[in-house]
Amino acid sequence: MRAHHLALRKAPVLQHNAPSASVSTLLLLRHGQSVWNGAEARFTGWVDVPLTVKGRVEAVAAGQLLRSRGFSAKKIDVAYTSNLQRAYETCELSLASMAGPQQHTWSSARIRRCVGLNERHYGSLQGELKKSPALAEKYGEETIKQWRRTMNLAPPPLDDKHPHYMPPPAPTTESLEDCQKRVLTCFRNEIEPVLFGEESLPPLPRSSEQGSGLETSMNKPDERVVMLVAHSNTIRALMTHFDNVPHDAVPKVHVPNSVPILYRFDPVTRLPISSQLQSAAGGSHARWVLSPDNHAQVKKALEPGGMLTRALFDACTSASMAEGGQNHVLTMAELEAGLTALIKASDADVHGGVDNAVISVAKKVIRELYSCPIRGNKAASEVITLAEFERRATALTAELPEWWADPSKGRRRWALEQGYPEPAAALAAQSRSSAQSKKN
């Protein structure tokens, strides 16, 4: 019996006609805004900078959203995070928020730090402004772009005279591929055994409100829920691994700030069970967890003629926009400049500015446009018209899982769209109904 069980676990493909009744859940969350994020962004890498006030608010909001979607803090078996404070603080704040008024249901003892989840090391670029004219003059804008968006190229290594140098075993620079290998090693060695029930979780001390004694995990070993709070490049490394994204498409995968991302796995095959949604980076099993308000604002902002599409173009050149209308053409660099201006204005808005999910979707559209031919014209891959941007944004928002935001659509539809098997009770009722119809 044991040998048969092990054989099943090594199955290379998911048996769709006989799915496992159990589900392993992984929640991915990129840390909130740090002091080196935002409009005046710097290459942060392994530099241990804190969250901004806005970043802390984003972390709390992410926790509130997860709680509203059924992920309370007590359901999280283990939370993993990097050794960097911006990720760890986001993790703590999110878990506390997921607990709501029941703060006794979570404990920092369930948080595990893993250096393998640290952000990509940017070498001698660490601490430099991403839009620094001096940096562009020294290395060239195209070279810097290649370092950031090509899998096997790395920035120059830093030495012990660099203000952000760290002694071994810290790296001195990394390519995207180096970062991905490090993250996947951490996932296989540290996280997989917990996620898929191989590792027994030790009982943890109860909080003072619960009295003395130890408390065990509430989930069965094959129904674990693991949360992972890390950084854009480390989460991207995991997502592209889960979705089998080819190397040349990896840089197109966008990881939103403080928007939870859900993956569900069959614990036997260890493969994702959600259906794939198509994008410029290929198919993805990932699901962004959005609130009804997030979803409504994204739809409104990115629809044709919506606030964000117009704002992006207006931020670049309102005069030529008026002259060219829907056919006005912008380069990708101009579009990114418009997004930066919009983020800066949003950060300065005392009322909260543009919804974080809206900004995240806009970034995703822009990232996927790089090296992506527009209407079959490869030469046009670095320019776009307003009409084309709106078309692509509309297509992307149509893929967002609206059933997450509308519980009235029912758990059955949600379960089926996630790839869950039909509940046994539902199948039995369907069978009885079919038998009765045949009798009649």
Protein backbone atom coordinates (compact mmCIF):
# COMPACT_ATOMS: atom_id res chain seq x y z
CA MET A 1 0.00 0.00 0.00
CA ARG A 2 2.81 2.39 0.88
CA ALA A 3 4.63 1.62 -2.38
CA HIS A 4 1.46 2.34 -4.35
CA HIS A 5 1.05 5.67 -2.54
CA LEU A 6 4.60 6.71 -3.35
CA ALA A 7 4.10 5.79 -6.98
CA LEU A 8 1.05 8.02 -7.19
CA ARG A 9 2.95 10.94 -5.72
CA LYS A 10 5.55 10.67 -8.48
CA ALA A 11 2.96 10.71 -11.26
CA PRO A 12 4.18 13.13 -13.98
CA VAL A 13 0.75 14.28 -15.10
CA LEU A 14 -2.47 15.22 -13.37
CA GLN A 15 -5.17 12.57 -13.71
CA HIS A 16 -8.12 14.82 -14.53
CA ASN A 17 -10.58 11.93 -14.49
CA ALA A 18 -9.66 11.07 -10.88
CA PRO A 19 -8.52 14.21 -9.05
CA SER A 20 -7.47 14.13 -5.44
CA ALA A 21 -10.18 15.14 -2.99
CA SER A 22 -7.61 17.18 -1.07
CA VAL A 23 -6.06 20.49 -2.02
CA SER A 24 -2.82 22.15 -0.95
CA THR A 25 -3.01 25.96 -1.00
CA LEU A 26 -0.18 28.44 -1.48
CA LEU A 27 -0.75 32.17 -0.99
CA LEU A 28 1.90 34.47 -2.44
CA LEU A 29 2.18 38.09 -1.36
CA ARG A 30 4.70 40.71 -2.44
CA HIS A 31 5.69 43.09 0.36
CA GLY A 32 4.12 46.53 0.65
CA GLN A 33 5.77 49.72 -0.51
CA SER A 34 9.26 50.21 0.94
CA VAL A 35 11.17 53.47 1.29
CA TRP A 36 13.00 52.61 -1.94
CA ASN A 37 9.86 51.78 -3.96
CA GLY A 38 7.42 54.23 -5.46
CA ALA A 39 8.10 57.00 -7.96
CA GLU A 40 11.73 57.53 -6.84
CA ALA A 41 12.54 53.83 -6.98
CA ARG A 42 16.02 52.47 -6.27
CA PHE A 43 17.62 49.10 -6.94
CA THR A 44 17.00 47.58 -3.52
CA GLY A 45 18.05 43.94 -3.76
CA TRP A 46 19.50 42.71 -0.47
CA VAL A 47 19.60 46.18 1.15
CA ASP A 48 17.40 45.88 4.26
CA VAL A 49 15.10 48.91 3.98
CA PRO A 50 11.81 49.28 5.93
CA LEU A 51 8.24 49.74 4.73
CA THR A 52 6.71 53.17 4.30
CA VAL A 53 3.50 54.07 6.10
CA LYS A 54 1.69 53.33 2.85
CA GLY A 55 3.41 49.92 2.71
CA ARG A 56 2.13 49.07 6.18
CA VAL A 57 -1.39 50.11 5.21
CA GLU A 58 -1.13 47.90 2.10
CA ALA A 59 -0.05 44.93 4.24
CA VAL A 60 -3.00 45.39 6.60
CA ALA A 61 -5.39 45.76 3.65
CA ALA A 62 -4.07 42.54 2.08
CA GLY A 63 -4.76 40.72 5.35
CA GLN A 64 -8.27 42.14 5.57
CA LEU A 65 -8.95 41.05 2.00
CA LEU A 66 -7.71 37.51 2.65
CA ARG A 67 -9.86 37.27 5.79
CA SER A 68 -12.91 38.39 3.79
CA ARG A 69 -12.17 35.62 1.28
CA GLY A 70 -12.11 32.92 3.95
CA PHE A 71 -8.40 32.87 4.78
CA SER A 72 -8.30 33.69 8.46
CA ALA A 73 -4.96 33.68 10.28
CA LYS A 74 -5.73 30.42 12.07
CA LYS A 75 -5.98 28.64 8.70
CA ILE A 76 -2.34 29.42 7.85
CA ASP A 77 -0.21 26.45 8.86
CA VAL A 78 3.13 28.14 8.17
CA ALA A 79 4.09 31.54 6.77
CA TYR A 80 7.43 31.88 4.99
CA THR A 81 9.26 35.11 4.38
CA SER A 82 12.72 36.36 3.51
CA ASN A 83 15.40 37.65 5.87
CA LEU A 84 14.61 41.23 4.83
CA GLN A 85 12.49 43.38 7.13
CA ARG A 86 10.16 44.74 4.45
CA ALA A 87 8.91 41.20 3.74
CA TYR A 88 8.85 40.06 7.37
CA GLU A 89 6.92 43.16 8.51
CA THR A 90 4.41 42.70 5.68
CA CYS A 91 3.96 39.09 6.78
CA GLU A 92 3.36 40.01 10.44
CA LEU A 93 0.96 42.83 9.65
CA SER A 94 -0.99 40.70 7.17
CA LEU A 95 -1.36 37.80 9.61
CA ALA A 96 -2.47 40.14 12.39
CA SER A 97 -5.02 41.65 10.03
CA MET A 98 -6.18 38.19 8.92
CA ALA A 99 -6.86 37.40 12.59
CA GLY A 100 -9.10 40.45 12.99
CA PRO A 101 -10.52 40.68 16.51
CA GLN A 102 -9.27 37.13 17.27
CA GLN A 103 -5.63 38.06 17.74
CA HIS A 104 -5.06 34.94 19.84
CA THR A 105 -5.44 32.81 16.68
CA TRP A 106 -2.05 33.64 15.23
CA SER A 107 1.52 33.64 16.47
CA SER A 108 4.84 34.83 15.05
CA ALA A 109 6.09 31.35 15.93
CA ARG A 110 4.43 30.16 12.70
CA ILE A 111 6.61 32.52 10.61
CA ARG A 112 9.77 31.01 9.14
CA ARG A 113 12.49 33.18 7.60
CA CYS A 114 14.48 31.87 4.66
CA VAL A 115 17.43 33.71 3.10
CA GLY A 116 16.69 31.84 -0.12
CA LEU A 117 13.60 34.03 -0.53
CA ASN A 118 15.59 37.28 -0.47
CA GLU A 119 15.17 39.62 -3.42
CA ARG A 120 17.46 39.33 -6.43
CA HIS A 121 20.89 40.82 -5.70
CA TYR A 122 21.53 43.76 -8.04
CA GLY A 123 25.30 43.93 -7.54
CA SER A 124 26.88 47.37 -7.81
CA LEU A 125 23.50 48.86 -8.81
CA GLN A 126 22.15 48.41 -5.28
CA GLY A 127 21.15 51.75 -3.80
CA GLU A 128 21.16 53.54 -7.16
CA LEU A 129 18.09 55.32 -8.54
CA LYS A 130 16.57 53.23 -11.32
CA LYS A 131 16.08 56.37 -13.42
CA SER A 132 19.50 57.88 -12.59
CA PRO A 133 20.91 59.85 -15.57
CA ALA A 134 24.44 59.17 -14.28
CA LEU A 135 23.79 55.43 -14.22
CA ALA A 136 22.36 55.52 -17.74
CA GLU A 137 25.37 57.49 -18.96
CA LYS A 138 27.83 55.09 -17.32
CA TYR A 139 26.35 51.82 -18.56
CA GLY A 140 23.78 52.76 -21.21
CA GLU A 141 20.00 52.47 -20.89
CA GLU A 142 19.84 49.41 -23.13
CA THR A 143 22.49 47.58 -21.11
CA ILE A 144 20.64 48.27 -17.85
CA LYS A 145 17.42 47.10 -19.44
CA GLN A 146 19.12 43.86 -20.49
CA TRP A 147 20.44 43.28 -16.97
CA ARG A 148 16.92 43.71 -15.60
CA ARG A 149 14.94 41.75 -18.19
CA THR A 150 17.28 39.05 -19.54
CA MET A 151 17.55 35.77 -17.66
CA ASN A 152 21.29 35.11 -17.86
CA LEU A 153 22.83 38.60 -17.59
CA ALA A 154 23.87 40.14 -14.26
CA PRO A 155 24.94 43.67 -13.25
CA PRO A 156 28.61 44.21 -12.29
CA PRO A 157 29.41 42.68 -8.88
CA LEU A 158 29.97 44.95 -5.92
CA ASP A 159 33.18 44.77 -3.88
CA ASP A 160 33.94 45.26 -0.19
CA LYS A 161 34.26 49.03 -0.71
CA HIS A 162 30.61 49.32 -1.81
CA PRO A 163 28.37 50.82 0.92
CA HIS A 164 25.94 47.89 0.61
CA TYR A 165 28.51 45.08 0.48
CA MET A 166 27.75 41.99 2.57
CA PRO A 167 30.30 39.24 3.28
CA PRO A 168 29.81 35.66 2.03
CA PRO A 169 27.64 33.68 1.80
CA ALA A 170 25.75 36.72 0.43
CA PRO A 171 26.21 37.00 -3.35
CA THR A 172 27.91 39.99 -4.98
CA THR A 173 25.49 40.03 -7.95
CA GLU A 174 22.83 37.82 -9.55
CA SER A 175 21.13 37.30 -12.87
CA LEU A 176 17.41 36.47 -12.97
CA GLU A 177 18.42 32.86 -13.58
CA ASP A 178 20.71 32.84 -10.51
CA CYS A 179 17.87 34.23 -8.42
CA GLN A 180 15.41 31.65 -9.74
CA LYS A 181 17.75 28.73 -8.96
CA ARG A 182 18.23 30.00 -5.40
CA VAL A 183 14.50 30.45 -4.82
CA LEU A 184 13.56 27.04 -6.24
CA THR A 185 16.19 25.36 -4.04
CA CYS A 186 14.59 27.04 -1.03
CA PHE A 187 11.11 25.99 -2.18
CA ARG A 188 12.05 22.35 -2.70
CA ASN A 189 14.06 21.99 0.50
CA GLU A 190 12.08 24.16 2.93
CA ILE A 191 8.55 24.80 1.66
CA GLU A 192 7.47 21.76 -0.36
CA PRO A 193 7.74 19.33 2.58
CA VAL A 194 5.40 21.54 4.62
CA LEU A 195 2.99 22.41 1.80
CA PHE A 196 2.48 18.80 0.75
CA GLY A 197 2.33 17.30 4.23
CA GLU A 198 5.68 15.52 4.36
CA GLU A 199 6.85 17.46 7.40
CA SER A 200 4.97 17.12 10.65
CA LEU A 201 4.34 20.51 12.18
CA PRO A 202 5.25 20.76 15.86
CA PRO A 203 2.61 21.98 18.31
CA LEU A 204 3.07 25.62 19.24
CA PRO A 205 2.46 27.34 22.59
CA ARG A 206 -1.02 28.72 23.00
CA SER A 207 -1.47 32.45 23.50
CA SER A 208 -2.18 33.77 26.98
CA GLU A 209 -5.84 34.24 26.02
CA GLN A 210 -6.16 30.51 25.21
CA GLY A 211 -4.61 29.29 28.43
CA SER A 212 -1.64 26.98 28.86
CA GLY A 213 -0.70 24.04 26.66
CA LEU A 214 0.16 23.44 23.01
CA GLU A 215 -1.89 23.96 19.87
CA THR A 216 -1.59 21.88 16.71
CA SER A 217 -2.32 22.91 13.11
CA MET A 218 -6.00 22.94 12.16
CA ASN A 219 -5.46 21.50 8.64
CA LYS A 220 -4.85 17.91 7.60
CA PRO A 221 -1.36 17.19 6.16
CA ASP A 222 -2.76 16.93 2.61
CA GLU A 223 -4.82 20.12 2.97
CA ARG A 224 -2.15 22.51 4.17
CA VAL A 225 -2.38 26.27 3.64
CA VAL A 226 1.00 28.00 3.35
CA MET A 227 1.56 31.73 2.98
CA LEU A 228 4.74 33.12 1.39
CA VAL A 229 5.59 36.82 1.64
CA ALA A 230 8.59 37.90 -0.41
CA HIS A 231 9.74 40.10 -3.30
CA SER A 232 8.94 40.67 -6.97
CA ASN A 233 11.76 38.58 -8.47
CA THR A 234 11.54 35.76 -5.96
CA ILE A 235 7.76 35.40 -6.35
CA ARG A 236 8.15 35.66 -10.14
CA ALA A 237 10.65 32.79 -9.98
CA LEU A 238 8.05 30.58 -8.28
CA MET A 239 5.18 31.60 -10.55
CA THR A 240 7.14 30.93 -13.72
CA HIS A 241 8.18 27.55 -12.32
CA PHE A 242 4.59 26.56 -11.47
CA ASP A 243 3.34 27.72 -14.88
CA ASN A 244 6.26 26.37 -16.97
CA VAL A 245 6.97 29.80 -18.43
CA PRO A 246 9.82 29.74 -20.99
CA HIS A 247 12.93 31.77 -20.14
CA ASP A 248 12.32 34.45 -22.74
CA ALA A 249 8.86 35.16 -21.28
CA VAL A 250 9.86 35.23 -17.58
CA PRO A 251 10.49 39.03 -17.47
CA LYS A 252 6.94 39.63 -18.77
CA VAL A 253 5.36 38.11 -15.65
CA HIS A 254 4.19 40.90 -13.37
CA VAL A 255 4.02 40.50 -9.58
CA PRO A 256 1.67 43.11 -8.05
CA ASN A 257 2.48 44.89 -4.79
CA SER A 258 0.29 43.72 -1.88
CA VAL A 259 -2.23 41.90 -4.10
CA PRO A 260 -2.46 38.28 -2.86
CA ILE A 261 -1.89 35.57 -5.48
CA LEU A 262 -3.46 32.14 -5.05
CA TYR A 263 -2.21 28.76 -6.26
CA ARG A 264 -3.91 25.45 -5.47
CA PHE A 265 -2.18 22.11 -5.96
CA ASP A 266 -3.13 18.45 -6.03
CA PRO A 267 -1.04 17.13 -3.11
CA VAL A 268 -0.50 13.80 -4.90
CA THR A 269 0.82 15.02 -8.25
CA ARG A 270 2.00 18.37 -6.83
CA LEU A 271 0.68 20.09 -9.93
CA PRO A 272 -1.58 23.18 -10.03
CA ILE A 273 -5.25 22.33 -10.37
CA SER A 274 -6.67 25.71 -11.42
CA SER A 275 -7.38 26.19 -15.10
CA GLN A 276 -4.82 28.25 -17.00
CA LEU A 277 -5.53 31.84 -17.99
CA GLN A 278 -3.67 33.02 -21.09
CA SER A 279 -1.49 36.12 -21.21
CA ALA A 280 1.55 37.45 -23.06
CA ALA A 281 3.72 35.33 -20.76
CA GLY A 282 1.76 32.18 -21.63
CA GLY A 283 -0.76 30.28 -19.53
CA SER A 284 -0.93 30.86 -15.78
CA HIS A 285 -2.63 29.00 -12.95
CA ALA A 286 -2.31 32.07 -10.70
CA ARG A 287 -5.36 33.91 -9.39
CA TRP A 288 -5.18 37.47 -8.07
CA VAL A 289 -7.33 37.81 -4.96
CA LEU A 290 -9.37 40.98 -5.41
CA SER A 291 -12.13 42.58 -3.40
CA PRO A 292 -15.40 43.66 -5.07
CA ASP A 293 -14.19 47.26 -4.78
CA ASN A 294 -10.82 46.39 -6.38
CA HIS A 295 -12.55 44.65 -9.22
CA ALA A 296 -15.01 47.47 -9.88
CA GLN A 297 -12.26 50.09 -9.89
CA VAL A 298 -10.03 48.06 -12.21
CA LYS A 299 -12.87 47.56 -14.68
CA LYS A 300 -13.81 51.25 -14.57
CA ALA A 301 -10.25 52.59 -14.80
CA LEU A 302 -9.03 50.35 -17.63
CA GLU A 303 -12.12 50.24 -19.83
CA PRO A 304 -11.95 52.20 -23.12
CA GLY A 305 -11.91 55.89 -22.25
CA GLY A 306 -11.36 55.04 -18.58
CA MET A 307 -9.44 57.12 -16.08
CA LEU A 308 -6.17 55.22 -16.13
CA THR A 309 -5.67 54.73 -19.85
CA ARG A 310 -6.29 58.43 -20.47
CA ALA A 311 -4.17 59.47 -17.49
CA LEU A 312 -1.19 57.45 -18.68
CA PHE A 313 -1.21 59.11 -22.06
CA ASP A 314 -2.04 62.57 -20.72
CA ALA A 315 0.84 62.35 -18.26
CA CYS A 316 3.21 62.07 -21.21
CA THR A 317 1.95 64.65 -23.66
CA SER A 318 -1.47 66.20 -23.43
CA ALA A 319 -0.93 68.47 -26.44
CA SER A 320 -0.04 65.74 -28.92
CA MET A 321 -2.70 63.53 -27.34
CA ALA A 322 -5.35 66.08 -28.26
CA GLU A 323 -3.95 66.24 -31.77
CA GLY A 324 -3.57 62.50 -32.36
CA GLY A 325 -6.52 61.14 -30.38
CA GLN A 326 -6.90 57.36 -30.44
CA ASN A 327 -4.13 57.05 -33.04
CA HIS A 328 -1.52 58.92 -31.00
CA VAL A 329 1.58 56.76 -30.59
CA LEU A 330 3.77 56.49 -27.48
CA THR A 331 6.94 54.53 -26.92
CA MET A 332 7.18 52.05 -24.05
CA ALA A 333 9.62 54.42 -22.31
CA GLU A 334 7.07 57.25 -22.50
CA LEU A 335 4.33 54.97 -21.23
CA GLU A 336 6.47 53.94 -18.26
CA ALA A 337 7.20 57.62 -17.59
CA GLY A 338 3.47 58.28 -17.55
CA LEU A 339 2.93 55.44 -15.08
CA THR A 340 5.70 56.81 -12.84
CA ALA A 341 4.08 60.27 -12.88
CA LEU A 342 0.73 58.72 -12.03
CA ILE A 343 2.20 56.73 -9.12
CA LYS A 344 3.93 59.86 -7.80
CA ALA A 345 0.65 61.78 -7.93
CA SER A 346 -1.16 58.88 -6.26
CA ASP A 347 1.43 58.68 -3.46
CA ALA A 348 0.97 62.40 -2.78
CA ASP A 349 -2.84 62.12 -2.66
CA VAL A 350 -3.97 62.33 0.95
CA HIS A 351 -7.14 60.44 0.01
CA GLY A 352 -5.20 57.35 -1.08
CA GLY A 353 -4.80 58.03 -4.78
CA VAL A 354 -5.40 55.37 -7.42
CA ASP A 355 -6.46 51.91 -6.17
CA ASN A 356 -3.42 49.63 -5.78
CA ALA A 357 -5.03 46.90 -7.88
CA VAL A 358 -5.54 49.40 -10.73
CA ILE A 359 -1.85 50.35 -10.70
CA SER A 360 -0.92 46.66 -10.59
CA VAL A 361 -3.00 45.83 -13.66
CA ALA A 362 -1.54 48.82 -15.55
CA LYS A 363 1.99 47.63 -14.72
CA LYS A 364 1.09 44.15 -15.90
CA VAL A 365 -0.15 45.49 -19.26
CA ILE A 366 3.04 47.52 -19.77
CA ARG A 367 5.34 44.67 -18.76
CA GLU A 368 3.63 42.26 -21.14
CA LEU A 369 3.94 44.75 -23.99
CA TYR A 370 7.75 44.54 -23.96
CA SER A 371 8.99 42.36 -26.81
CA CYS A 372 5.39 41.54 -27.68
CA PRO A 373 4.46 42.29 -31.31
CA ILE A 374 1.52 44.65 -31.77
CA ARG A 375 -0.99 43.36 -34.33
CA GLY A 376 1.64 41.17 -35.93
CA ASN A 377 4.15 43.96 -36.48
CA LYS A 378 7.31 43.00 -34.57
CA ALA A 379 8.98 46.31 -35.41
CA ALA A 380 6.20 48.10 -33.56
CA SER A 381 6.82 46.25 -30.29
CA GLU A 382 8.27 49.36 -28.64
CA VAL A 383 5.36 51.69 -29.45
CA ILE A 384 1.62 51.64 -28.82
CA THR A 385 -1.46 53.74 -29.56
CA LEU A 386 -4.12 54.66 -27.00
CA ALA A 387 -6.61 52.44 -28.84
CA GLU A 388 -4.22 49.48 -28.70
CA PHE A 389 -3.44 50.00 -25.02
CA GLU A 390 -7.16 50.15 -24.21
CA ARG A 391 -7.79 46.99 -26.24
CA ARG A 392 -5.11 45.08 -24.36
CA ALA A 393 -6.18 46.42 -20.98
CA THR A 394 -9.76 45.40 -21.68
CA ALA A 395 -8.63 41.88 -22.65
CA LEU A 396 -6.60 41.59 -19.46
CA THR A 397 -9.36 42.77 -17.13
CA ALA A 398 -11.72 40.28 -18.77
CA GLU A 399 -9.42 37.53 -17.43
CA LEU A 400 -9.65 38.69 -13.81
CA PRO A 401 -11.52 36.15 -11.65
CA GLU A 402 -14.75 38.05 -11.09
CA TRP A 403 -16.23 35.12 -9.20
CA TRP A 404 -13.72 35.87 -6.42
CA ALA A 405 -15.39 39.23 -5.99
CA ASP A 406 -18.97 37.97 -6.11
CA PRO A 407 -19.75 35.30 -3.50
CA SER A 408 -23.38 35.30 -4.68
CA LYS A 409 -22.27 33.26 -7.68
CA GLY A 410 -21.93 30.35 -5.30
CA ARG A 411 -19.25 28.02 -4.01
CA ARG A 412 -19.99 25.33 -6.61
CA ARG A 413 -19.07 27.53 -9.59
CA TRP A 414 -16.00 28.81 -7.76
CA ALA A 415 -14.93 25.24 -6.95
CA LEU A 416 -15.44 24.03 -10.50
CA GLU A 417 -13.53 26.95 -12.01
CA GLN A 418 -10.66 26.23 -9.60
CA GLY A 419 -10.54 22.62 -10.78
CA TYR A 420 -12.02 21.06 -7.65
CA PRO A 421 -13.88 17.75 -8.05
CA GLU A 422 -17.65 17.89 -7.65
CA PRO A 423 -18.64 17.44 -4.00
CA ALA A 424 -19.72 13.88 -3.29
CA ALA A 425 -23.15 15.05 -2.14
CA ALA A 426 -23.73 16.95 -5.37
CA LEU A 427 -22.72 13.94 -7.46
CA ALA A 428 -25.03 11.68 -5.46
CA ALA A 429 -27.95 14.10 -5.92
CA GLN A 430 -27.21 14.35 -9.65
CA SER A 431 -27.15 10.54 -9.92
CA ARG A 432 -30.50 10.21 -8.10
CA SER A 433 -32.04 12.87 -10.32
CA SER A 434 -30.79 11.11 -13.45
CA ALA A 435 -32.14 7.76 -12.27
CA GLN A 436 -35.54 9.31 -11.49
CA SER A 437 -35.68 10.90 -14.96
CA LYS A 438 -35.04 7.54 -16.61
CA LYS A 439 -37.88 5.95 -14.59
CA ASN A 440 -40.28 8.65 -15.73
